[in-house]
Amino acid sequence: MLIGEVARRSGVSSRMLRHYDSLGLVRPTGRTFGGYREYSDEDIRRIFHVESLRSLGLSLREIGRALEDPAFEPSDLVRDLIRRTEERLNREQELLDRLRAVDGSAPTGWEGVLRIVELLHGLNSPHAARRQQTALAPAEVPAELLAGAVLTEADPNVAGALRWALARAGGDGVASLASGARSADVDVRRRAVLAIAGMPGDEATAALTDVLGDPDPAVRARAALALGSRGESAAVPELVRMVVEGTTDVEAAEVLGALARDDDVAARIMSALTDELATAEPAARIRLTQALVEMPPALALDVLRDLAEDDDRTVALLASALAGALASPG
């Protein structure tokens, strides 16, 4: 089959077929009496083989090596292509995120666009000092950009600067952080809830309430402490669980004490603490006994006096000492 007919049937141009010939990728095995290239069926199959590899993203040089290497393993090629494709997609996703960030900040004119691009470069710098400097810059950084940076920042100093800047920027970043709080990556969820905890407003409170059921104890604990500090009684069950489990139990007990200023909430907390005291392990019972001292004395004293007769001598001694301290004037 002559080159023109091969080009028509294969969809590969005559010019490209000649290029394949010059590179040694597909050389026609025959010649007509007039000296024209003549392709055999095997040559045409090789053309389609080359085109298939090209469609996977291989360069012609890589295709040549693959076709000539007797030790060539297709599986190695596929894995390499997967890796390169993932890297390309990640680069494109980063570009897309940057473009969306620019668009979301609603810049006016080229000066606004260039300023946002400069901020993005600063926040995405490989150098922690540059990222921190950008977060702390006196120039206003859009909350949306700060929220995105918070979710990916691993350096604790930079993360602190970003959270400070985000809280200063207002509540516009809560929606982005709330999305991060639903991430499959636990580190992203932890960063998100830590940032939301520092932001004021009902939107932040709602986002914190949503993560009280998170499977990660650290996420739940941070949300519960923040909610309790805002006076939200929805945090009570988790705060009590923190005391039982010994997760930031001292801080949890203090927040429970603050919530107990409300009589109705205080009754709920006392009920939860005494229920746990009845079944908890010895170490947890000690923590629960200590937490009682944060409760209103009128509610805690009777429970502590009962515990002073407890079978566990450590609990009994602790409860007796705490009851004496609460009962003493001044």
C-alpha atoms as a PDB file:
ATOM      1  CA  MET A   1       0.000   0.000   0.000  1.00  0.00           C
ATOM      2  CA  LEU A   2       1.453   3.362  -1.026  1.00  0.00           C
ATOM      3  CA  ILE A   3       1.958   6.214   1.389  1.00  0.00           C
ATOM      4  CA  GLY A   4      -0.971   8.311   0.113  1.00  0.00           C
ATOM      5  CA  GLU A   5      -3.432   5.456   0.584  1.00  0.00           C
ATOM      6  CA  VAL A   6      -1.983   4.630   4.011  1.00  0.00           C
ATOM      7  CA  ALA A   7      -2.460   8.287   5.007  1.00  0.00           C
ATOM      8  CA  ARG A   8      -6.092   8.267   3.851  1.00  0.00           C
ATOM      9  CA  ARG A   9      -6.942   5.015   5.631  1.00  0.00           C
ATOM     10  CA  SER A  10      -5.013   5.573   8.843  1.00  0.00           C
ATOM     11  CA  GLY A  11      -5.648   9.280   9.356  1.00  0.00           C
ATOM     12  CA  VAL A  12      -1.915   9.863   9.773  1.00  0.00           C
ATOM     13  CA  SER A  13      -0.664  12.511   7.350  1.00  0.00           C
ATOM     14  CA  SER A  14       1.881  11.686   4.663  1.00  0.00           C
ATOM     15  CA  ARG A  15       4.194  14.217   6.213  1.00  0.00           C
ATOM     16  CA  MET A  16       4.006  12.443   9.612  1.00  0.00           C
ATOM     17  CA  LEU A  17       4.543   9.048   7.958  1.00  0.00           C
ATOM     18  CA  ARG A  18       7.711  10.373   6.339  1.00  0.00           C
ATOM     19  CA  HIS A  19       8.775  11.724   9.737  1.00  0.00           C
ATOM     20  CA  TYR A  20       8.217   8.281  11.286  1.00  0.00           C
ATOM     21  CA  ASP A  21      10.356   6.826   8.502  1.00  0.00           C
ATOM     22  CA  SER A  22      13.175   9.297   9.088  1.00  0.00           C
ATOM     23  CA  LEU A  23      13.162   8.490  12.831  1.00  0.00           C
ATOM     24  CA  GLY A  24      13.106   4.763  12.204  1.00  0.00           C
ATOM     25  CA  LEU A  25       9.772   4.321  13.960  1.00  0.00           C
ATOM     26  CA  VAL A  26       7.890   2.920  10.941  1.00  0.00           C
ATOM     27  CA  ARG A  27       9.918   2.188   7.838  1.00  0.00           C
ATOM     28  CA  PRO A  28       8.011   0.760   4.879  1.00  0.00           C
ATOM     29  CA  THR A  29       9.421  -2.663   4.173  1.00  0.00           C
ATOM     30  CA  GLY A  30       8.739  -2.568   0.451  1.00  0.00           C
ATOM     31  CA  ARG A  31       9.344  -0.458  -2.642  1.00  0.00           C
ATOM     32  CA  THR A  32       7.487  -0.383  -5.909  1.00  0.00           C
ATOM     33  CA  PHE A  33       9.300  -0.787  -9.240  1.00  0.00           C
ATOM     34  CA  GLY A  34       9.216   2.976  -9.419  1.00  0.00           C
ATOM     35  CA  GLY A  35      10.952   3.315  -6.030  1.00  0.00           C
ATOM     36  CA  TYR A  36       7.933   4.481  -4.069  1.00  0.00           C
ATOM     37  CA  ARG A  37       7.431   3.473  -0.430  1.00  0.00           C
ATOM     38  CA  GLU A  38       5.148   0.492  -0.026  1.00  0.00           C
ATOM     39  CA  TYR A  39       3.716  -0.435   3.397  1.00  0.00           C
ATOM     40  CA  SER A  40       2.943  -4.012   4.359  1.00  0.00           C
ATOM     41  CA  ASP A  41       0.139  -5.048   6.718  1.00  0.00           C
ATOM     42  CA  GLU A  42       2.709  -5.385   9.495  1.00  0.00           C
ATOM     43  CA  ASP A  43       3.956  -1.843   8.803  1.00  0.00           C
ATOM     44  CA  ILE A  44       0.412  -0.512   9.108  1.00  0.00           C
ATOM     45  CA  ARG A  45      -0.107  -2.358  12.374  1.00  0.00           C
ATOM     46  CA  ARG A  46       3.068  -0.691  13.667  1.00  0.00           C
ATOM     47  CA  ILE A  47       1.699   2.726  12.620  1.00  0.00           C
ATOM     48  CA  PHE A  48      -1.379   2.144  14.748  1.00  0.00           C
ATOM     49  CA  HIS A  49       0.836   0.933  17.560  1.00  0.00           C
ATOM     50  CA  VAL A  50       2.805   4.188  17.422  1.00  0.00           C
ATOM     51  CA  GLU A  51      -0.390   6.266  17.306  1.00  0.00           C
ATOM     52  CA  SER A  52      -1.803   4.423  20.317  1.00  0.00           C
ATOM     53  CA  LEU A  53       1.314   5.171  22.366  1.00  0.00           C
ATOM     54  CA  ARG A  54       1.224   8.797  21.243  1.00  0.00           C
ATOM     55  CA  SER A  55      -2.366   9.064  22.476  1.00  0.00           C
ATOM     56  CA  LEU A  56      -1.126   8.087  25.948  1.00  0.00           C
ATOM     57  CA  GLY A  57       1.212  11.075  25.984  1.00  0.00           C
ATOM     58  CA  LEU A  58       4.542   9.463  25.049  1.00  0.00           C
ATOM     59  CA  SER A  59       7.040  11.390  22.988  1.00  0.00           C
ATOM     60  CA  LEU A  60       8.259   9.870  19.724  1.00  0.00           C
ATOM     61  CA  ARG A  61      11.647   9.231  21.301  1.00  0.00           C
ATOM     62  CA  GLU A  62      10.001   7.321  24.164  1.00  0.00           C
ATOM     63  CA  ILE A  63       7.895   5.365  21.697  1.00  0.00           C
ATOM     64  CA  GLY A  64      11.017   4.392  19.749  1.00  0.00           C
ATOM     65  CA  ARG A  65      12.726   3.116  22.893  1.00  0.00           C
ATOM     66  CA  ALA A  66       9.626   1.178  23.932  1.00  0.00           C
ATOM     67  CA  LEU A  67       9.271  -0.515  20.547  1.00  0.00           C
ATOM     68  CA  GLU A  68      12.929  -1.483  20.292  1.00  0.00           C
ATOM     69  CA  ASP A  69      13.571  -2.563  23.888  1.00  0.00           C
ATOM     70  CA  PRO A  70      13.108  -6.341  24.236  1.00  0.00           C
ATOM     71  CA  ALA A  71      12.852  -5.934  28.021  1.00  0.00           C
ATOM     72  CA  PHE A  72      10.070  -3.344  27.712  1.00  0.00           C
ATOM     73  CA  GLU A  73       7.298  -3.855  30.294  1.00  0.00           C
ATOM     74  CA  PRO A  74       3.943  -2.252  29.420  1.00  0.00           C
ATOM     75  CA  SER A  75       2.961  -2.172  33.093  1.00  0.00           C
ATOM     76  CA  ASP A  76       6.004   0.003  33.897  1.00  0.00           C
ATOM     77  CA  LEU A  77       4.985   2.363  31.138  1.00  0.00           C
ATOM     78  CA  VAL A  78       1.405   2.608  32.401  1.00  0.00           C
ATOM     79  CA  ARG A  79       2.549   3.322  35.975  1.00  0.00           C
ATOM     80  CA  ASP A  80       4.909   6.011  34.750  1.00  0.00           C
ATOM     81  CA  LEU A  81       2.139   7.569  32.679  1.00  0.00           C
ATOM     82  CA  ILE A  82      -0.192   7.533  35.671  1.00  0.00           C
ATOM     83  CA  ARG A  83       2.419   9.323  37.780  1.00  0.00           C
ATOM     84  CA  ARG A  84       3.068  11.971  35.139  1.00  0.00           C
ATOM     85  CA  THR A  85      -0.633  12.492  34.514  1.00  0.00           C
ATOM     86  CA  GLU A  86      -1.309  12.924  38.226  1.00  0.00           C
ATOM     87  CA  GLU A  87       1.493  15.490  38.459  1.00  0.00           C
ATOM     88  CA  ARG A  88       0.068  17.372  35.480  1.00  0.00           C
ATOM     89  CA  LEU A  89      -3.448  17.303  36.924  1.00  0.00           C
ATOM     90  CA  ASN A  90      -2.147  18.571  40.265  1.00  0.00           C
ATOM     91  CA  ARG A  91      -0.410  21.470  38.505  1.00  0.00           C
ATOM     92  CA  GLU A  92      -3.570  22.267  36.580  1.00  0.00           C
ATOM     93  CA  GLN A  93      -5.691  22.035  39.733  1.00  0.00           C
ATOM     94  CA  GLU A  94      -3.335  24.468  41.457  1.00  0.00           C
ATOM     95  CA  LEU A  95      -3.698  26.843  38.513  1.00  0.00           C
ATOM     96  CA  LEU A  96      -7.477  26.451  38.572  1.00  0.00           C
ATOM     97  CA  ASP A  97      -7.560  27.167  42.303  1.00  0.00           C
ATOM     98  CA  ARG A  98      -5.471  30.272  41.796  1.00  0.00           C
ATOM     99  CA  LEU A  99      -7.707  31.508  38.987  1.00  0.00           C
ATOM    100  CA  ARG A 100     -10.796  30.919  41.124  1.00  0.00           C
ATOM    101  CA  ALA A 101      -9.160  32.774  43.990  1.00  0.00           C
ATOM    102  CA  VAL A 102      -8.429  35.727  41.711  1.00  0.00           C
ATOM    103  CA  ASP A 103     -11.982  35.665  40.375  1.00  0.00           C
ATOM    104  CA  GLY A 104     -13.491  35.272  43.845  1.00  0.00           C
ATOM    105  CA  SER A 105     -11.643  38.311  45.155  1.00  0.00           C
ATOM    106  CA  ALA A 106     -13.407  40.443  42.501  1.00  0.00           C
ATOM    107  CA  PRO A 107     -10.337  42.524  41.579  1.00  0.00           C
ATOM    108  CA  THR A 108     -10.946  45.800  39.788  1.00  0.00           C
ATOM    109  CA  GLY A 109      -8.563  46.407  36.922  1.00  0.00           C
ATOM    110  CA  TRP A 110      -5.105  45.029  36.307  1.00  0.00           C
ATOM    111  CA  GLU A 111      -3.721  46.472  39.541  1.00  0.00           C
ATOM    112  CA  GLY A 112      -6.184  44.383  41.537  1.00  0.00           C
ATOM    113  CA  VAL A 113      -5.402  41.240  39.549  1.00  0.00           C
ATOM    114  CA  LEU A 114      -1.647  41.697  39.958  1.00  0.00           C
ATOM    115  CA  ARG A 115      -2.042  42.322  43.684  1.00  0.00           C
ATOM    116  CA  ILE A 116      -4.017  39.094  44.148  1.00  0.00           C
ATOM    117  CA  VAL A 117      -1.471  37.149  42.090  1.00  0.00           C
ATOM    118  CA  GLU A 118       1.335  38.571  44.244  1.00  0.00           C
ATOM    119  CA  LEU A 119      -0.512  37.525  47.405  1.00  0.00           C
ATOM    120  CA  LEU A 120      -1.036  34.037  45.998  1.00  0.00           C
ATOM    121  CA  HIS A 121       2.668  33.712  45.266  1.00  0.00           C
ATOM    122  CA  GLY A 122       3.433  34.807  48.808  1.00  0.00           C
ATOM    123  CA  LEU A 123       0.967  32.423  50.428  1.00  0.00           C
ATOM    124  CA  ASN A 124       2.181  29.529  48.272  1.00  0.00           C
ATOM    125  CA  SER A 125       5.883  30.263  48.686  1.00  0.00           C
ATOM    126  CA  PRO A 126       8.088  27.274  49.594  1.00  0.00           C
ATOM    127  CA  HIS A 127       9.634  29.463  52.314  1.00  0.00           C
ATOM    128  CA  ALA A 128       7.750  29.591  55.618  1.00  0.00           C
ATOM    129  CA  ALA A 129       9.084  33.070  56.422  1.00  0.00           C
ATOM    130  CA  ARG A 130       7.662  34.462  53.165  1.00  0.00           C
ATOM    131  CA  ARG A 131       4.272  32.852  53.809  1.00  0.00           C
ATOM    132  CA  GLN A 132       4.183  34.257  57.330  1.00  0.00           C
ATOM    133  CA  GLN A 133       5.226  37.700  56.104  1.00  0.00           C
ATOM    134  CA  THR A 134       2.395  37.684  53.562  1.00  0.00           C
ATOM    135  CA  ALA A 135      -0.156  36.689  56.220  1.00  0.00           C
ATOM    136  CA  LEU A 136       1.002  39.472  58.551  1.00  0.00           C
ATOM    137  CA  ALA A 137       1.301  42.149  55.843  1.00  0.00           C
ATOM    138  CA  PRO A 138      -0.589  45.365  56.585  1.00  0.00           C
ATOM    139  CA  ALA A 139      -2.273  45.108  53.180  1.00  0.00           C
ATOM    140  CA  GLU A 140      -5.701  43.478  53.343  1.00  0.00           C
ATOM    141  CA  VAL A 141      -5.659  39.845  52.205  1.00  0.00           C
ATOM    142  CA  PRO A 142      -9.015  38.431  51.026  1.00  0.00           C
ATOM    143  CA  ALA A 143     -10.486  35.990  53.570  1.00  0.00           C
ATOM    144  CA  GLU A 144     -11.028  33.389  50.854  1.00  0.00           C
ATOM    145  CA  LEU A 145      -7.287  33.255  50.130  1.00  0.00           C
ATOM    146  CA  LEU A 146      -6.395  33.083  53.808  1.00  0.00           C
ATOM    147  CA  ALA A 147      -8.881  30.266  54.414  1.00  0.00           C
ATOM    148  CA  GLY A 148      -7.407  28.208  51.589  1.00  0.00           C
ATOM    149  CA  ALA A 149      -3.898  28.778  52.931  1.00  0.00           C
ATOM    150  CA  VAL A 150      -4.916  27.794  56.473  1.00  0.00           C
ATOM    151  CA  LEU A 151      -6.181  24.403  55.306  1.00  0.00           C
ATOM    152  CA  THR A 152      -2.837  23.468  53.735  1.00  0.00           C
ATOM    153  CA  GLU A 153      -0.352  25.104  56.133  1.00  0.00           C
ATOM    154  CA  ALA A 154       1.700  22.629  58.185  1.00  0.00           C
ATOM    155  CA  ASP A 155       4.151  25.077  59.783  1.00  0.00           C
ATOM    156  CA  PRO A 156       2.705  26.002  63.221  1.00  0.00           C
ATOM    157  CA  ASN A 157       4.084  29.558  63.210  1.00  0.00           C
ATOM    158  CA  VAL A 158       2.741  30.339  59.757  1.00  0.00           C
ATOM    159  CA  ALA A 159      -0.566  28.655  60.609  1.00  0.00           C
ATOM    160  CA  GLY A 160      -0.904  30.879  63.683  1.00  0.00           C
ATOM    161  CA  ALA A 161      -0.279  33.996  61.602  1.00  0.00           C
ATOM    162  CA  LEU A 162      -2.823  32.883  59.029  1.00  0.00           C
ATOM    163  CA  ARG A 163      -5.483  32.216  61.675  1.00  0.00           C
ATOM    164  CA  TRP A 164      -4.842  35.634  63.205  1.00  0.00           C
ATOM    165  CA  ALA A 165      -5.141  37.318  59.816  1.00  0.00           C
ATOM    166  CA  LEU A 166      -8.285  35.357  58.997  1.00  0.00           C
ATOM    167  CA  ALA A 167      -9.987  36.314  62.273  1.00  0.00           C
ATOM    168  CA  ARG A 168      -9.049  39.930  61.572  1.00  0.00           C
ATOM    169  CA  ALA A 169     -10.476  39.694  58.047  1.00  0.00           C
ATOM    170  CA  GLY A 170     -13.965  38.833  59.318  1.00  0.00           C
ATOM    171  CA  GLY A 171     -16.345  35.946  58.726  1.00  0.00           C
ATOM    172  CA  ASP A 172     -16.117  35.641  54.944  1.00  0.00           C
ATOM    173  CA  GLY A 173     -13.751  32.665  55.180  1.00  0.00           C
ATOM    174  CA  VAL A 174     -15.978  30.472  57.364  1.00  0.00           C
ATOM    175  CA  ALA A 175     -17.635  28.754  54.395  1.00  0.00           C
ATOM    176  CA  SER A 176     -14.272  27.661  52.985  1.00  0.00           C
ATOM    177  CA  LEU A 177     -13.111  26.480  56.392  1.00  0.00           C
ATOM    178  CA  ALA A 178     -16.365  24.583  56.922  1.00  0.00           C
ATOM    179  CA  SER A 179     -15.710  22.777  53.654  1.00  0.00           C
ATOM    180  CA  GLY A 180     -12.259  21.853  54.968  1.00  0.00           C
ATOM    181  CA  ALA A 181     -13.853  20.552  58.165  1.00  0.00           C
ATOM    182  CA  ARG A 182     -15.587  17.926  56.007  1.00  0.00           C
ATOM    183  CA  SER A 183     -12.357  16.818  54.298  1.00  0.00           C
ATOM    184  CA  ALA A 184     -11.359  13.168  54.218  1.00  0.00           C
ATOM    185  CA  ASP A 185      -7.895  14.292  55.393  1.00  0.00           C
ATOM    186  CA  VAL A 186      -7.888  14.482  59.192  1.00  0.00           C
ATOM    187  CA  ASP A 187      -5.035  17.027  59.214  1.00  0.00           C
ATOM    188  CA  VAL A 188      -7.102  19.374  57.049  1.00  0.00           C
ATOM    189  CA  ARG A 189     -10.093  18.943  59.391  1.00  0.00           C
ATOM    190  CA  ARG A 190      -7.928  19.739  62.418  1.00  0.00           C
ATOM    191  CA  ARG A 191      -6.590  22.899  60.773  1.00  0.00           C
ATOM    192  CA  ALA A 192     -10.094  23.930  59.749  1.00  0.00           C
ATOM    193  CA  VAL A 193     -11.680  23.556  63.196  1.00  0.00           C
ATOM    194  CA  LEU A 194      -8.752  25.334  64.866  1.00  0.00           C
ATOM    195  CA  ALA A 195      -9.238  28.303  62.539  1.00  0.00           C
ATOM    196  CA  ILE A 196     -13.035  28.326  62.880  1.00  0.00           C
ATOM    197  CA  ALA A 197     -12.659  28.306  66.671  1.00  0.00           C
ATOM    198  CA  GLY A 198     -10.945  31.696  66.460  1.00  0.00           C
ATOM    199  CA  MET A 199     -13.652  33.301  64.336  1.00  0.00           C
ATOM    200  CA  PRO A 200     -16.689  35.111  65.733  1.00  0.00           C
ATOM    201  CA  GLY A 201     -20.294  34.891  64.649  1.00  0.00           C
ATOM    202  CA  ASP A 202     -23.197  32.497  64.250  1.00  0.00           C
ATOM    203  CA  GLU A 203     -21.788  30.980  61.060  1.00  0.00           C
ATOM    204  CA  ALA A 204     -18.643  29.859  62.882  1.00  0.00           C
ATOM    205  CA  THR A 205     -20.712  28.524  65.791  1.00  0.00           C
ATOM    206  CA  ALA A 206     -22.854  26.475  63.404  1.00  0.00           C
ATOM    207  CA  ALA A 207     -19.754  25.084  61.675  1.00  0.00           C
ATOM    208  CA  LEU A 208     -18.276  24.040  65.030  1.00  0.00           C
ATOM    209  CA  THR A 209     -21.526  22.360  66.054  1.00  0.00           C
ATOM    210  CA  ASP A 210     -21.504  20.361  62.817  1.00  0.00           C
ATOM    211  CA  VAL A 211     -18.160  18.739  63.670  1.00  0.00           C
ATOM    212  CA  LEU A 212     -19.029  17.614  67.199  1.00  0.00           C
ATOM    213  CA  GLY A 213     -19.663  14.189  65.692  1.00  0.00           C
ATOM    214  CA  ASP A 214     -16.318  14.024  63.871  1.00  0.00           C
ATOM    215  CA  PRO A 215     -14.562  10.625  64.176  1.00  0.00           C
ATOM    216  CA  ASP A 216     -11.301  12.299  65.235  1.00  0.00           C
ATOM    217  CA  PRO A 217     -11.071  13.081  68.995  1.00  0.00           C
ATOM    218  CA  ALA A 218      -8.838  16.109  68.419  1.00  0.00           C
ATOM    219  CA  VAL A 219     -11.357  17.699  66.045  1.00  0.00           C
ATOM    220  CA  ARG A 220     -14.234  17.050  68.457  1.00  0.00           C
ATOM    221  CA  ALA A 221     -12.261  18.362  71.413  1.00  0.00           C
ATOM    222  CA  ARG A 222     -11.301  21.630  69.753  1.00  0.00           C
ATOM    223  CA  ALA A 223     -14.887  22.198  68.581  1.00  0.00           C
ATOM    224  CA  ALA A 224     -16.305  21.413  72.035  1.00  0.00           C
ATOM    225  CA  LEU A 225     -13.901  23.763  73.841  1.00  0.00           C
ATOM    226  CA  ALA A 226     -14.676  26.580  71.425  1.00  0.00           C
ATOM    227  CA  LEU A 227     -18.430  26.026  71.625  1.00  0.00           C
ATOM    228  CA  GLY A 228     -18.388  25.780  75.405  1.00  0.00           C
ATOM    229  CA  SER A 229     -16.452  29.038  75.588  1.00  0.00           C
ATOM    230  CA  ARG A 230     -19.227  30.591  73.493  1.00  0.00           C
ATOM    231  CA  GLY A 231     -21.820  29.382  75.981  1.00  0.00           C
ATOM    232  CA  GLU A 232     -23.183  26.631  73.731  1.00  0.00           C
ATOM    233  CA  SER A 233     -24.555  23.770  75.829  1.00  0.00           C
ATOM    234  CA  ALA A 234     -24.416  21.414  72.816  1.00  0.00           C
ATOM    235  CA  ALA A 235     -20.768  20.911  73.774  1.00  0.00           C
ATOM    236  CA  VAL A 236     -21.573  19.375  77.183  1.00  0.00           C
ATOM    237  CA  PRO A 237     -21.560  15.659  76.195  1.00  0.00           C
ATOM    238  CA  GLU A 238     -18.214  15.977  74.423  1.00  0.00           C
ATOM    239  CA  LEU A 239     -16.673  18.016  77.236  1.00  0.00           C
ATOM    240  CA  VAL A 240     -17.708  15.380  79.773  1.00  0.00           C
ATOM    241  CA  ARG A 241     -16.280  12.681  77.511  1.00  0.00           C
ATOM    242  CA  MET A 242     -13.001  14.623  77.396  1.00  0.00           C
ATOM    243  CA  VAL A 243     -12.835  14.559  81.182  1.00  0.00           C
ATOM    244  CA  VAL A 244     -13.505  10.815  81.213  1.00  0.00           C
ATOM    245  CA  GLU A 245     -10.930  10.091  78.516  1.00  0.00           C
ATOM    246  CA  GLY A 246      -8.310  12.513  79.836  1.00  0.00           C
ATOM    247  CA  THR A 247      -8.265  14.600  76.642  1.00  0.00           C
ATOM    248  CA  THR A 248      -7.417  18.175  77.719  1.00  0.00           C
ATOM    249  CA  ASP A 249      -9.526  17.304  80.759  1.00  0.00           C
ATOM    250  CA  VAL A 250      -8.509  20.282  82.914  1.00  0.00           C
ATOM    251  CA  GLU A 251      -9.507  22.775  80.218  1.00  0.00           C
ATOM    252  CA  ALA A 252     -12.707  20.811  79.528  1.00  0.00           C
ATOM    253  CA  ALA A 253     -13.618  20.918  83.234  1.00  0.00           C
ATOM    254  CA  GLU A 254     -13.035  24.679  83.345  1.00  0.00           C
ATOM    255  CA  VAL A 255     -15.314  25.201  80.337  1.00  0.00           C
ATOM    256  CA  LEU A 256     -17.967  23.001  81.956  1.00  0.00           C
ATOM    257  CA  GLY A 257     -17.696  25.206  85.040  1.00  0.00           C
ATOM    258  CA  ALA A 258     -18.301  28.303  82.945  1.00  0.00           C
ATOM    259  CA  LEU A 259     -21.337  26.697  81.306  1.00  0.00           C
ATOM    260  CA  ALA A 260     -22.665  25.719  84.743  1.00  0.00           C
ATOM    261  CA  ARG A 261     -23.420  29.372  85.503  1.00  0.00           C
ATOM    262  CA  ASP A 262     -26.719  28.645  83.804  1.00  0.00           C
ATOM    263  CA  ASP A 263     -28.839  26.660  86.282  1.00  0.00           C
ATOM    264  CA  ASP A 264     -30.464  24.414  83.670  1.00  0.00           C
ATOM    265  CA  VAL A 265     -27.134  23.606  82.037  1.00  0.00           C
ATOM    266  CA  ALA A 266     -25.534  23.046  85.460  1.00  0.00           C
ATOM    267  CA  ALA A 267     -28.148  20.398  86.267  1.00  0.00           C
ATOM    268  CA  ARG A 268     -27.399  18.623  82.986  1.00  0.00           C
ATOM    269  CA  ILE A 269     -23.661  18.698  83.611  1.00  0.00           C
ATOM    270  CA  MET A 270     -24.016  17.356  87.148  1.00  0.00           C
ATOM    271  CA  SER A 271     -26.228  14.542  85.899  1.00  0.00           C
ATOM    272  CA  ALA A 272     -23.680  13.625  83.215  1.00  0.00           C
ATOM    273  CA  LEU A 273     -20.740  13.723  85.648  1.00  0.00           C
ATOM    274  CA  THR A 274     -22.463  11.584  88.287  1.00  0.00           C
ATOM    275  CA  ASP A 275     -23.602   9.056  85.676  1.00  0.00           C
ATOM    276  CA  GLU A 276     -20.016   8.672  84.532  1.00  0.00           C
ATOM    277  CA  LEU A 277     -18.757   8.401  88.132  1.00  0.00           C
ATOM    278  CA  ALA A 278     -20.931   5.339  88.614  1.00  0.00           C
ATOM    279  CA  THR A 279     -19.269   3.322  85.837  1.00  0.00           C
ATOM    280  CA  ALA A 280     -15.919   4.903  84.967  1.00  0.00           C
ATOM    281  CA  GLU A 281     -12.485   3.366  85.436  1.00  0.00           C
ATOM    282  CA  PRO A 282     -10.482   4.461  88.535  1.00  0.00           C
ATOM    283  CA  ALA A 283      -8.315   7.033  86.725  1.00  0.00           C
ATOM    284  CA  ALA A 284     -11.368   8.551  85.035  1.00  0.00           C
ATOM    285  CA  ARG A 285     -13.227   8.716  88.370  1.00  0.00           C
ATOM    286  CA  ILE A 286     -10.376  10.783  89.787  1.00  0.00           C
ATOM    287  CA  ARG A 287     -10.647  13.236  86.869  1.00  0.00           C
ATOM    288  CA  LEU A 288     -14.427  13.399  87.255  1.00  0.00           C
ATOM    289  CA  THR A 289     -14.068  14.086  90.974  1.00  0.00           C
ATOM    290  CA  GLN A 290     -11.628  16.891  90.247  1.00  0.00           C
ATOM    291  CA  ALA A 291     -14.058  18.327  87.667  1.00  0.00           C
ATOM    292  CA  LEU A 292     -16.777  18.610  90.331  1.00  0.00           C
ATOM    293  CA  VAL A 293     -14.872  21.419  92.028  1.00  0.00           C
ATOM    294  CA  GLU A 294     -15.582  23.584  88.952  1.00  0.00           C
ATOM    295  CA  MET A 295     -19.330  23.209  89.502  1.00  0.00           C
ATOM    296  CA  PRO A 296     -21.445  25.529  91.694  1.00  0.00           C
ATOM    297  CA  PRO A 297     -20.667  24.573  95.313  1.00  0.00           C
ATOM    298  CA  ALA A 298     -24.349  24.141  96.139  1.00  0.00           C
ATOM    299  CA  LEU A 299     -24.507  21.310  93.573  1.00  0.00           C
ATOM    300  CA  ALA A 300     -21.053  19.821  93.998  1.00  0.00           C
ATOM    301  CA  LEU A 301     -20.768  19.599  97.786  1.00  0.00           C
ATOM    302  CA  ASP A 302     -23.323  16.843  98.338  1.00  0.00           C
ATOM    303  CA  VAL A 303     -21.774  14.705  95.594  1.00  0.00           C
ATOM    304  CA  LEU A 304     -18.261  15.242  96.952  1.00  0.00           C
ATOM    305  CA  ARG A 305     -19.359  14.346 100.476  1.00  0.00           C
ATOM    306  CA  ASP A 306     -20.876  11.124  99.185  1.00  0.00           C
ATOM    307  CA  LEU A 307     -17.662  10.364  97.315  1.00  0.00           C
ATOM    308  CA  ALA A 308     -15.692  10.928 100.527  1.00  0.00           C
ATOM    309  CA  GLU A 309     -17.141   7.546 101.596  1.00  0.00           C
ATOM    310  CA  ASP A 310     -16.206   5.879  98.294  1.00  0.00           C
ATOM    311  CA  ASP A 311     -14.684   2.391  98.278  1.00  0.00           C
ATOM    312  CA  ASP A 312     -11.790   3.704  96.193  1.00  0.00           C
ATOM    313  CA  ARG A 313      -9.525   5.246  98.832  1.00  0.00           C
ATOM    314  CA  THR A 314      -7.873   7.646  96.344  1.00  0.00           C
ATOM    315  CA  VAL A 315     -11.247   8.979  95.193  1.00  0.00           C
ATOM    316  CA  ALA A 316     -12.474   9.200  98.809  1.00  0.00           C
ATOM    317  CA  LEU A 317      -9.448  11.201  99.991  1.00  0.00           C
ATOM    318  CA  LEU A 318      -9.587  13.543  97.001  1.00  0.00           C
ATOM    319  CA  ALA A 319     -13.324  14.132  97.373  1.00  0.00           C
ATOM    320  CA  SER A 320     -12.950  14.821 101.106  1.00  0.00           C
ATOM    321  CA  ALA A 321     -10.214  17.386 100.480  1.00  0.00           C
ATOM    322  CA  LEU A 322     -12.193  19.107  97.729  1.00  0.00           C
ATOM    323  CA  ALA A 323     -15.394  19.165  99.805  1.00  0.00           C
ATOM    324  CA  GLY A 324     -13.460  20.758 102.654  1.00  0.00           C
ATOM    325  CA  ALA A 325     -12.025  23.406 100.333  1.00  0.00           C
ATOM    326  CA  LEU A 326     -15.456  24.238  98.903  1.00  0.00           C
ATOM    327  CA  ALA A 327     -17.110  24.346 102.296  1.00  0.00           C
ATOM    328  CA  SER A 328     -14.529  26.552 103.957  1.00  0.00           C
ATOM    329  CA  PRO A 329     -15.419  30.262 103.990  1.00  0.00           C
ATOM    330  CA  GLY A 330     -13.458  32.527 101.678  1.00  0.00           C
END
